[in-house]
Amino acid sequence: MKKIIYSVAVLFCITGLAFGQTKSLAEPDPTDVGTGSAASALREVSIEKFERDGAWNVHISPDAGVISARLFEGSPAAKEVLEEDKGNEDLDTHVLGVKVQFFRRGINSIYVTAVKPLPIEGITKTISVWVAGRNQDHDMYVLVQDYYGHNYELYLGNLGFSGWKQMTLAVPPSPDGEHGIVQSSPYYGDRPGLRVIGFRIDCNPMLARGTYYVYFDDLRAVTDLFELQNRDEDDMPDNW
């Protein structure tokens, strides 16, 4: 009887561990990213709604094709409105469309970059963006810059799906505050620790032909604002 109970308990632990790992890989959980801190104040914030003309640049090698971008009216039907944006839905009515006309098949990359880097306050746990990738087998990355100005590329996922999809990635925490993606430091003042530079799409060489369309909407982040929310009112900011 004891052997049976022990076997069931072991099986339950293994199953629970496997389920937890599968869930975290499929849908990054902000509460599990950098769980070493004693307290946190997680909040989902909007970084960019893609509502401004001229706010984004697009680029592809001139030998590969011609690229253009413009705003379109529309929005993903499944997108949930942030609490802070309720009542202002009429201010979020556009998406960014990118059109590429390839000259020939080949190894190409599409760059969609912000005119100015987009800062995120606090310690960023996850980054998400709504994308309509037109079911093409291309890989997409988010380009970020950390506290020290070092550039990194984070894999967001494959664009082989139809319609709109909210794609999410977890920002790996620095192991020691000196290596990897560093988002804060007590030595260089008080400023946002992570900035989004834009996106890169690495095209599947066999599919990079004809005309390709991709659309973006609502770039968001889940960030830990514990230090900012718990700063004393009479404490001066170190940003001068």
C-alpha atoms as a PDB file:
ATOM      1  CA  MET A   1       0.000   0.000   0.000  1.00  0.00           C
ATOM      2  CA  LYS A   2       2.833   2.386   0.863  1.00  0.00           C
ATOM      3  CA  LYS A   3       4.518   1.602  -2.480  1.00  0.00           C
ATOM      4  CA  ILE A   4       1.299   2.472  -4.341  1.00  0.00           C
ATOM      5  CA  ILE A   5       0.913   5.791  -2.502  1.00  0.00           C
ATOM      6  CA  TYR A   6       4.584   6.635  -3.113  1.00  0.00           C
ATOM      7  CA  SER A   7       4.300   5.832  -6.839  1.00  0.00           C
ATOM      8  CA  VAL A   8       1.178   7.982  -7.214  1.00  0.00           C
ATOM      9  CA  ALA A   9       2.872  10.886  -5.416  1.00  0.00           C
ATOM     10  CA  VAL A  10       5.955  10.655  -7.651  1.00  0.00           C
ATOM     11  CA  LEU A  11       3.773  10.486 -10.769  1.00  0.00           C
ATOM     12  CA  PHE A  12       1.800  13.559  -9.620  1.00  0.00           C
ATOM     13  CA  CYS A  13       5.007  15.562  -9.048  1.00  0.00           C
ATOM     14  CA  ILE A  14       6.437  14.613 -12.448  1.00  0.00           C
ATOM     15  CA  THR A  15       3.157  15.434 -14.209  1.00  0.00           C
ATOM     16  CA  GLY A  16       2.826  18.764 -12.427  1.00  0.00           C
ATOM     17  CA  LEU A  17       6.403  19.699 -13.279  1.00  0.00           C
ATOM     18  CA  ALA A  18       5.932  18.804 -16.946  1.00  0.00           C
ATOM     19  CA  PHE A  19       2.692  20.783 -17.133  1.00  0.00           C
ATOM     20  CA  GLY A  20       4.310  23.827 -15.528  1.00  0.00           C
ATOM     21  CA  GLN A  21       7.224  23.714 -17.944  1.00  0.00           C
ATOM     22  CA  THR A  22       4.953  23.319 -20.975  1.00  0.00           C
ATOM     23  CA  LYS A  23       2.744  26.210 -19.901  1.00  0.00           C
ATOM     24  CA  SER A  24       5.698  28.525 -19.257  1.00  0.00           C
ATOM     25  CA  LEU A  25       7.193  27.775 -22.674  1.00  0.00           C
ATOM     26  CA  ALA A  26       3.931  28.331 -24.516  1.00  0.00           C
ATOM     27  CA  GLU A  27       2.753  31.369 -22.576  1.00  0.00           C
ATOM     28  CA  PRO A  28       5.464  33.210 -20.610  1.00  0.00           C
ATOM     29  CA  ASP A  29       4.243  33.986 -17.092  1.00  0.00           C
ATOM     30  CA  PRO A  30       5.501  37.385 -15.849  1.00  0.00           C
ATOM     31  CA  THR A  31       5.325  36.173 -12.233  1.00  0.00           C
ATOM     32  CA  ASP A  32       7.902  33.466 -13.017  1.00  0.00           C
ATOM     33  CA  VAL A  33      10.445  35.736 -14.734  1.00  0.00           C
ATOM     34  CA  GLY A  34      13.175  36.808 -12.302  1.00  0.00           C
ATOM     35  CA  THR A  35      11.417  35.494  -9.203  1.00  0.00           C
ATOM     36  CA  GLY A  36      14.333  36.273  -6.906  1.00  0.00           C
ATOM     37  CA  SER A  37      12.891  39.580  -5.675  1.00  0.00           C
ATOM     38  CA  ALA A  38      11.044  39.623  -2.373  1.00  0.00           C
ATOM     39  CA  ALA A  39       8.223  41.841  -3.601  1.00  0.00           C
ATOM     40  CA  SER A  40       6.882  43.009  -6.936  1.00  0.00           C
ATOM     41  CA  ALA A  41       4.203  45.229  -8.416  1.00  0.00           C
ATOM     42  CA  LEU A  42       3.454  43.826 -11.860  1.00  0.00           C
ATOM     43  CA  ARG A  43       1.490  45.959 -14.285  1.00  0.00           C
ATOM     44  CA  GLU A  44       0.687  45.619 -17.974  1.00  0.00           C
ATOM     45  CA  VAL A  45       1.417  48.854 -19.816  1.00  0.00           C
ATOM     46  CA  SER A  46       1.059  50.043 -23.390  1.00  0.00           C
ATOM     47  CA  ILE A  47       4.313  50.969 -25.113  1.00  0.00           C
ATOM     48  CA  GLU A  48       3.024  51.856 -28.583  1.00  0.00           C
ATOM     49  CA  LYS A  49      -0.420  51.735 -30.183  1.00  0.00           C
ATOM     50  CA  PHE A  50       0.754  52.452 -33.752  1.00  0.00           C
ATOM     51  CA  GLU A  51      -1.403  55.553 -34.133  1.00  0.00           C
ATOM     52  CA  ARG A  52       1.151  58.105 -35.366  1.00  0.00           C
ATOM     53  CA  ASP A  53       2.250  58.678 -38.951  1.00  0.00           C
ATOM     54  CA  GLY A  54       6.009  58.726 -39.403  1.00  0.00           C
ATOM     55  CA  ALA A  55       6.759  57.082 -36.065  1.00  0.00           C
ATOM     56  CA  TRP A  56       8.195  53.911 -37.636  1.00  0.00           C
ATOM     57  CA  ASN A  57      10.841  53.260 -40.283  1.00  0.00           C
ATOM     58  CA  VAL A  58      11.029  50.170 -42.492  1.00  0.00           C
ATOM     59  CA  HIS A  59      14.056  48.791 -44.293  1.00  0.00           C
ATOM     60  CA  ILE A  60      15.133  45.913 -46.489  1.00  0.00           C
ATOM     61  CA  SER A  61      18.274  45.483 -48.553  1.00  0.00           C
ATOM     62  CA  PRO A  62      17.834  47.391 -51.853  1.00  0.00           C
ATOM     63  CA  ASP A  63      19.019  44.257 -53.662  1.00  0.00           C
ATOM     64  CA  ALA A  64      16.227  42.193 -52.117  1.00  0.00           C
ATOM     65  CA  GLY A  65      13.127  44.264 -52.847  1.00  0.00           C
ATOM     66  CA  VAL A  66      11.058  47.365 -52.182  1.00  0.00           C
ATOM     67  CA  ILE A  67       9.409  48.059 -48.824  1.00  0.00           C
ATOM     68  CA  SER A  68       6.781  50.552 -47.650  1.00  0.00           C
ATOM     69  CA  ALA A  69       4.599  51.141 -44.577  1.00  0.00           C
ATOM     70  CA  ARG A  70       1.413  53.025 -43.710  1.00  0.00           C
ATOM     71  CA  LEU A  71      -1.373  53.147 -41.129  1.00  0.00           C
ATOM     72  CA  PHE A  72      -4.722  51.408 -41.656  1.00  0.00           C
ATOM     73  CA  GLU A  73      -7.954  51.677 -39.734  1.00  0.00           C
ATOM     74  CA  GLY A  74      -8.695  48.537 -37.766  1.00  0.00           C
ATOM     75  CA  SER A  75      -7.862  46.558 -34.653  1.00  0.00           C
ATOM     76  CA  PRO A  76      -7.696  42.906 -33.513  1.00  0.00           C
ATOM     77  CA  ALA A  77     -11.170  41.889 -32.369  1.00  0.00           C
ATOM     78  CA  ALA A  78      -9.794  39.730 -29.531  1.00  0.00           C
ATOM     79  CA  LYS A  79      -7.623  42.480 -28.035  1.00  0.00           C
ATOM     80  CA  GLU A  80      -8.478  43.345 -24.429  1.00  0.00           C
ATOM     81  CA  VAL A  81      -8.477  46.997 -23.447  1.00  0.00           C
ATOM     82  CA  LEU A  82      -6.170  47.994 -20.621  1.00  0.00           C
ATOM     83  CA  GLU A  83      -7.849  49.388 -17.517  1.00  0.00           C
ATOM     84  CA  GLU A  84      -6.156  52.753 -18.020  1.00  0.00           C
ATOM     85  CA  ASP A  85      -7.446  52.972 -21.613  1.00  0.00           C
ATOM     86  CA  LYS A  86     -11.102  52.243 -20.910  1.00  0.00           C
ATOM     87  CA  GLY A  87     -13.260  55.086 -22.174  1.00  0.00           C
ATOM     88  CA  ASN A  88     -10.609  56.127 -24.703  1.00  0.00           C
ATOM     89  CA  GLU A  89     -11.109  53.335 -27.222  1.00  0.00           C
ATOM     90  CA  ASP A  90     -11.700  55.913 -29.967  1.00  0.00           C
ATOM     91  CA  LEU A  91      -8.021  56.888 -29.682  1.00  0.00           C
ATOM     92  CA  ASP A  92      -6.857  53.397 -30.670  1.00  0.00           C
ATOM     93  CA  THR A  93      -8.224  52.826 -34.166  1.00  0.00           C
ATOM     94  CA  HIS A  94      -5.216  52.127 -36.401  1.00  0.00           C
ATOM     95  CA  VAL A  95      -2.636  49.438 -37.137  1.00  0.00           C
ATOM     96  CA  LEU A  96       0.702  49.602 -38.930  1.00  0.00           C
ATOM     97  CA  GLY A  97       0.910  47.756 -42.231  1.00  0.00           C
ATOM     98  CA  VAL A  98       4.192  46.805 -43.939  1.00  0.00           C
ATOM     99  CA  LYS A  99       4.381  45.743 -47.583  1.00  0.00           C
ATOM    100  CA  VAL A 100       7.416  44.089 -49.188  1.00  0.00           C
ATOM    101  CA  GLN A 101       7.791  43.391 -52.901  1.00  0.00           C
ATOM    102  CA  PHE A 102      10.632  40.897 -53.349  1.00  0.00           C
ATOM    103  CA  PHE A 103      12.818  40.913 -56.443  1.00  0.00           C
ATOM    104  CA  ARG A 104      13.825  37.278 -56.070  1.00  0.00           C
ATOM    105  CA  ARG A 105      14.076  34.474 -53.555  1.00  0.00           C
ATOM    106  CA  GLY A 106      16.904  34.746 -51.071  1.00  0.00           C
ATOM    107  CA  ILE A 107      18.009  35.243 -47.470  1.00  0.00           C
ATOM    108  CA  ASN A 108      16.404  38.544 -46.507  1.00  0.00           C
ATOM    109  CA  SER A 109      15.569  40.438 -43.321  1.00  0.00           C
ATOM    110  CA  ILE A 110      12.837  43.027 -42.839  1.00  0.00           C
ATOM    111  CA  TYR A 111      13.454  45.770 -40.262  1.00  0.00           C
ATOM    112  CA  VAL A 112      10.641  47.746 -38.627  1.00  0.00           C
ATOM    113  CA  THR A 113      12.203  50.253 -36.225  1.00  0.00           C
ATOM    114  CA  ALA A 114      10.885  53.115 -34.118  1.00  0.00           C
ATOM    115  CA  VAL A 115      12.102  56.610 -34.968  1.00  0.00           C
ATOM    116  CA  LYS A 116      12.996  56.966 -31.275  1.00  0.00           C
ATOM    117  CA  PRO A 117      13.634  54.040 -28.892  1.00  0.00           C
ATOM    118  CA  LEU A 118      10.570  53.277 -26.773  1.00  0.00           C
ATOM    119  CA  PRO A 119      11.466  53.246 -23.033  1.00  0.00           C
ATOM    120  CA  ILE A 120       9.779  50.951 -20.515  1.00  0.00           C
ATOM    121  CA  GLU A 121       9.751  51.992 -16.863  1.00  0.00           C
ATOM    122  CA  GLY A 122      10.503  49.463 -14.166  1.00  0.00           C
ATOM    123  CA  ILE A 123      11.862  45.953 -14.735  1.00  0.00           C
ATOM    124  CA  THR A 124      10.321  44.446 -17.858  1.00  0.00           C
ATOM    125  CA  LYS A 125       9.148  40.849 -17.510  1.00  0.00           C
ATOM    126  CA  THR A 126       7.413  40.208 -20.848  1.00  0.00           C
ATOM    127  CA  ILE A 127       6.892  41.999 -24.163  1.00  0.00           C
ATOM    128  CA  SER A 128       3.931  41.357 -26.437  1.00  0.00           C
ATOM    129  CA  VAL A 129       2.596  42.665 -29.746  1.00  0.00           C
ATOM    130  CA  TRP A 130      -0.360  41.820 -31.957  1.00  0.00           C
ATOM    131  CA  VAL A 131       0.748  40.599 -35.379  1.00  0.00           C
ATOM    132  CA  ALA A 132      -1.003  39.448 -38.559  1.00  0.00           C
ATOM    133  CA  GLY A 133       1.724  37.477 -40.324  1.00  0.00           C
ATOM    134  CA  ARG A 134      -0.286  36.157 -43.276  1.00  0.00           C
ATOM    135  CA  ASN A 135       0.622  32.543 -42.485  1.00  0.00           C
ATOM    136  CA  GLN A 136       4.162  32.794 -43.842  1.00  0.00           C
ATOM    137  CA  ASP A 137       6.961  30.728 -42.300  1.00  0.00           C
ATOM    138  CA  HIS A 138       9.146  33.710 -41.315  1.00  0.00           C
ATOM    139  CA  ASP A 139      10.786  34.243 -37.906  1.00  0.00           C
ATOM    140  CA  MET A 140      10.303  37.451 -35.932  1.00  0.00           C
ATOM    141  CA  TYR A 141      12.524  39.075 -33.301  1.00  0.00           C
ATOM    142  CA  VAL A 142      12.133  42.042 -30.952  1.00  0.00           C
ATOM    143  CA  LEU A 143      15.147  44.360 -30.891  1.00  0.00           C
ATOM    144  CA  VAL A 144      15.851  45.879 -27.459  1.00  0.00           C
ATOM    145  CA  GLN A 145      18.493  47.998 -25.753  1.00  0.00           C
ATOM    146  CA  ASP A 146      19.351  47.480 -22.096  1.00  0.00           C
ATOM    147  CA  TYR A 147      20.359  49.879 -19.311  1.00  0.00           C
ATOM    148  CA  TYR A 148      23.965  50.080 -20.532  1.00  0.00           C
ATOM    149  CA  GLY A 149      22.966  50.676 -24.155  1.00  0.00           C
ATOM    150  CA  HIS A 150      23.798  47.144 -25.281  1.00  0.00           C
ATOM    151  CA  ASN A 151      21.632  45.814 -28.098  1.00  0.00           C
ATOM    152  CA  TYR A 152      19.900  42.433 -27.979  1.00  0.00           C
ATOM    153  CA  GLU A 153      17.504  40.494 -30.171  1.00  0.00           C
ATOM    154  CA  LEU A 154      14.818  38.361 -28.526  1.00  0.00           C
ATOM    155  CA  TYR A 155      13.028  35.657 -30.475  1.00  0.00           C
ATOM    156  CA  LEU A 156       9.292  36.352 -30.607  1.00  0.00           C
ATOM    157  CA  GLY A 157       8.095  33.443 -32.730  1.00  0.00           C
ATOM    158  CA  ASN A 158       7.181  32.156 -36.182  1.00  0.00           C
ATOM    159  CA  LEU A 159       4.663  33.991 -38.342  1.00  0.00           C
ATOM    160  CA  GLY A 160       3.104  30.849 -39.775  1.00  0.00           C
ATOM    161  CA  PHE A 161      -0.447  31.578 -38.569  1.00  0.00           C
ATOM    162  CA  SER A 162      -3.586  33.121 -40.020  1.00  0.00           C
ATOM    163  CA  GLY A 163      -5.261  36.305 -38.784  1.00  0.00           C
ATOM    164  CA  TRP A 164      -4.248  38.273 -35.708  1.00  0.00           C
ATOM    165  CA  LYS A 165      -2.236  36.748 -32.869  1.00  0.00           C
ATOM    166  CA  GLN A 166      -0.785  38.287 -29.719  1.00  0.00           C
ATOM    167  CA  MET A 167       2.830  37.122 -29.651  1.00  0.00           C
ATOM    168  CA  THR A 168       4.630  37.227 -26.300  1.00  0.00           C
ATOM    169  CA  LEU A 169       8.191  36.689 -25.110  1.00  0.00           C
ATOM    170  CA  ALA A 170       9.846  36.620 -21.695  1.00  0.00           C
ATOM    171  CA  VAL A 171      12.790  38.962 -21.097  1.00  0.00           C
ATOM    172  CA  PRO A 172      15.581  36.895 -19.511  1.00  0.00           C
ATOM    173  CA  PRO A 173      16.788  38.475 -16.252  1.00  0.00           C
ATOM    174  CA  SER A 174      20.452  39.308 -15.697  1.00  0.00           C
ATOM    175  CA  PRO A 175      22.082  36.690 -13.449  1.00  0.00           C
ATOM    176  CA  ASP A 176      24.271  39.187 -11.573  1.00  0.00           C
ATOM    177  CA  GLY A 177      23.384  42.726 -12.687  1.00  0.00           C
ATOM    178  CA  GLU A 178      26.481  42.898 -14.880  1.00  0.00           C
ATOM    179  CA  HIS A 179      25.945  40.313 -17.615  1.00  0.00           C
ATOM    180  CA  GLY A 180      23.058  39.614 -19.946  1.00  0.00           C
ATOM    181  CA  ILE A 181      20.197  42.099 -20.275  1.00  0.00           C
ATOM    182  CA  VAL A 182      20.728  44.543 -17.400  1.00  0.00           C
ATOM    183  CA  GLN A 183      17.701  46.691 -16.560  1.00  0.00           C
ATOM    184  CA  SER A 184      18.843  48.580 -13.460  1.00  0.00           C
ATOM    185  CA  SER A 185      22.001  49.713 -11.709  1.00  0.00           C
ATOM    186  CA  PRO A 186      22.690  51.776  -8.568  1.00  0.00           C
ATOM    187  CA  TYR A 187      25.765  53.326 -10.206  1.00  0.00           C
ATOM    188  CA  TYR A 188      24.372  55.277 -13.154  1.00  0.00           C
ATOM    189  CA  GLY A 189      21.303  57.160 -11.937  1.00  0.00           C
ATOM    190  CA  ASP A 190      17.603  56.532 -12.307  1.00  0.00           C
ATOM    191  CA  ARG A 191      16.294  55.940 -15.826  1.00  0.00           C
ATOM    192  CA  PRO A 192      14.184  53.371 -17.725  1.00  0.00           C
ATOM    193  CA  GLY A 193      16.125  50.145 -17.963  1.00  0.00           C
ATOM    194  CA  LEU A 194      14.858  48.680 -21.225  1.00  0.00           C
ATOM    195  CA  ARG A 195      14.062  50.296 -24.561  1.00  0.00           C
ATOM    196  CA  VAL A 196      12.386  48.717 -27.573  1.00  0.00           C
ATOM    197  CA  ILE A 197      14.202  49.518 -30.822  1.00  0.00           C
ATOM    198  CA  GLY A 198      11.843  47.654 -33.152  1.00  0.00           C
ATOM    199  CA  PHE A 199      11.416  44.325 -34.912  1.00  0.00           C
ATOM    200  CA  ARG A 200      13.302  42.143 -37.361  1.00  0.00           C
ATOM    201  CA  ILE A 201      11.706  39.500 -39.574  1.00  0.00           C
ATOM    202  CA  ASP A 202      14.052  36.873 -40.994  1.00  0.00           C
ATOM    203  CA  CYS A 203      12.407  35.570 -44.146  1.00  0.00           C
ATOM    204  CA  ASN A 204      12.259  31.943 -45.167  1.00  0.00           C
ATOM    205  CA  PRO A 205      14.336  31.947 -48.392  1.00  0.00           C
ATOM    206  CA  MET A 206      11.870  29.661 -50.176  1.00  0.00           C
ATOM    207  CA  LEU A 207       8.904  31.941 -49.369  1.00  0.00           C
ATOM    208  CA  ALA A 208      10.571  35.330 -49.913  1.00  0.00           C
ATOM    209  CA  ARG A 209       8.990  36.033 -53.289  1.00  0.00           C
ATOM    210  CA  GLY A 210       6.145  38.057 -54.743  1.00  0.00           C
ATOM    211  CA  THR A 211       4.492  40.463 -52.294  1.00  0.00           C
ATOM    212  CA  TYR A 212       4.385  40.009 -48.540  1.00  0.00           C
ATOM    213  CA  TYR A 213       2.181  41.896 -46.053  1.00  0.00           C
ATOM    214  CA  VAL A 214       2.487  42.040 -42.263  1.00  0.00           C
ATOM    215  CA  TYR A 215       0.553  44.152 -39.741  1.00  0.00           C
ATOM    216  CA  PHE A 216       1.320  45.313 -36.185  1.00  0.00           C
ATOM    217  CA  ASP A 217      -0.800  46.648 -33.323  1.00  0.00           C
ATOM    218  CA  ASP A 218      -0.559  47.370 -29.606  1.00  0.00           C
ATOM    219  CA  LEU A 219       2.964  46.810 -28.354  1.00  0.00           C
ATOM    220  CA  ARG A 220       2.757  46.098 -24.599  1.00  0.00           C
ATOM    221  CA  ALA A 221       4.906  45.039 -21.679  1.00  0.00           C
ATOM    222  CA  VAL A 222       4.359  43.552 -18.245  1.00  0.00           C
ATOM    223  CA  THR A 223       6.738  45.426 -15.965  1.00  0.00           C
ATOM    224  CA  ASP A 224       7.601  45.421 -12.279  1.00  0.00           C
ATOM    225  CA  LEU A 225       7.041  48.928 -10.888  1.00  0.00           C
ATOM    226  CA  PHE A 226       7.719  48.045  -7.242  1.00  0.00           C
ATOM    227  CA  GLU A 227      10.669  50.424  -6.767  1.00  0.00           C
ATOM    228  CA  LEU A 228       8.911  53.319  -8.520  1.00  0.00           C
ATOM    229  CA  GLN A 229       5.628  52.895  -6.638  1.00  0.00           C
ATOM    230  CA  ASN A 230       7.334  52.580  -3.256  1.00  0.00           C
ATOM    231  CA  ARG A 231       9.674  55.556  -3.566  1.00  0.00           C
ATOM    232  CA  ASP A 232       9.141  58.127  -0.820  1.00  0.00           C
ATOM    233  CA  GLU A 233       7.461  61.325  -1.975  1.00  0.00           C
ATOM    234  CA  ASP A 234      10.297  63.430  -0.538  1.00  0.00           C
ATOM    235  CA  ASP A 235      12.985  61.340  -2.270  1.00  0.00           C
ATOM    236  CA  MET A 236      14.653  63.118  -5.202  1.00  0.00           C
ATOM    237  CA  PRO A 237      15.007  61.249  -8.522  1.00  0.00           C
ATOM    238  CA  ASP A 238      18.571  60.559  -9.693  1.00  0.00           C
ATOM    239  CA  ASN A 239      18.093  61.789 -13.260  1.00  0.00           C
ATOM    240  CA  TRP A 240      19.871  65.152 -13.328  1.00  0.00           C
END
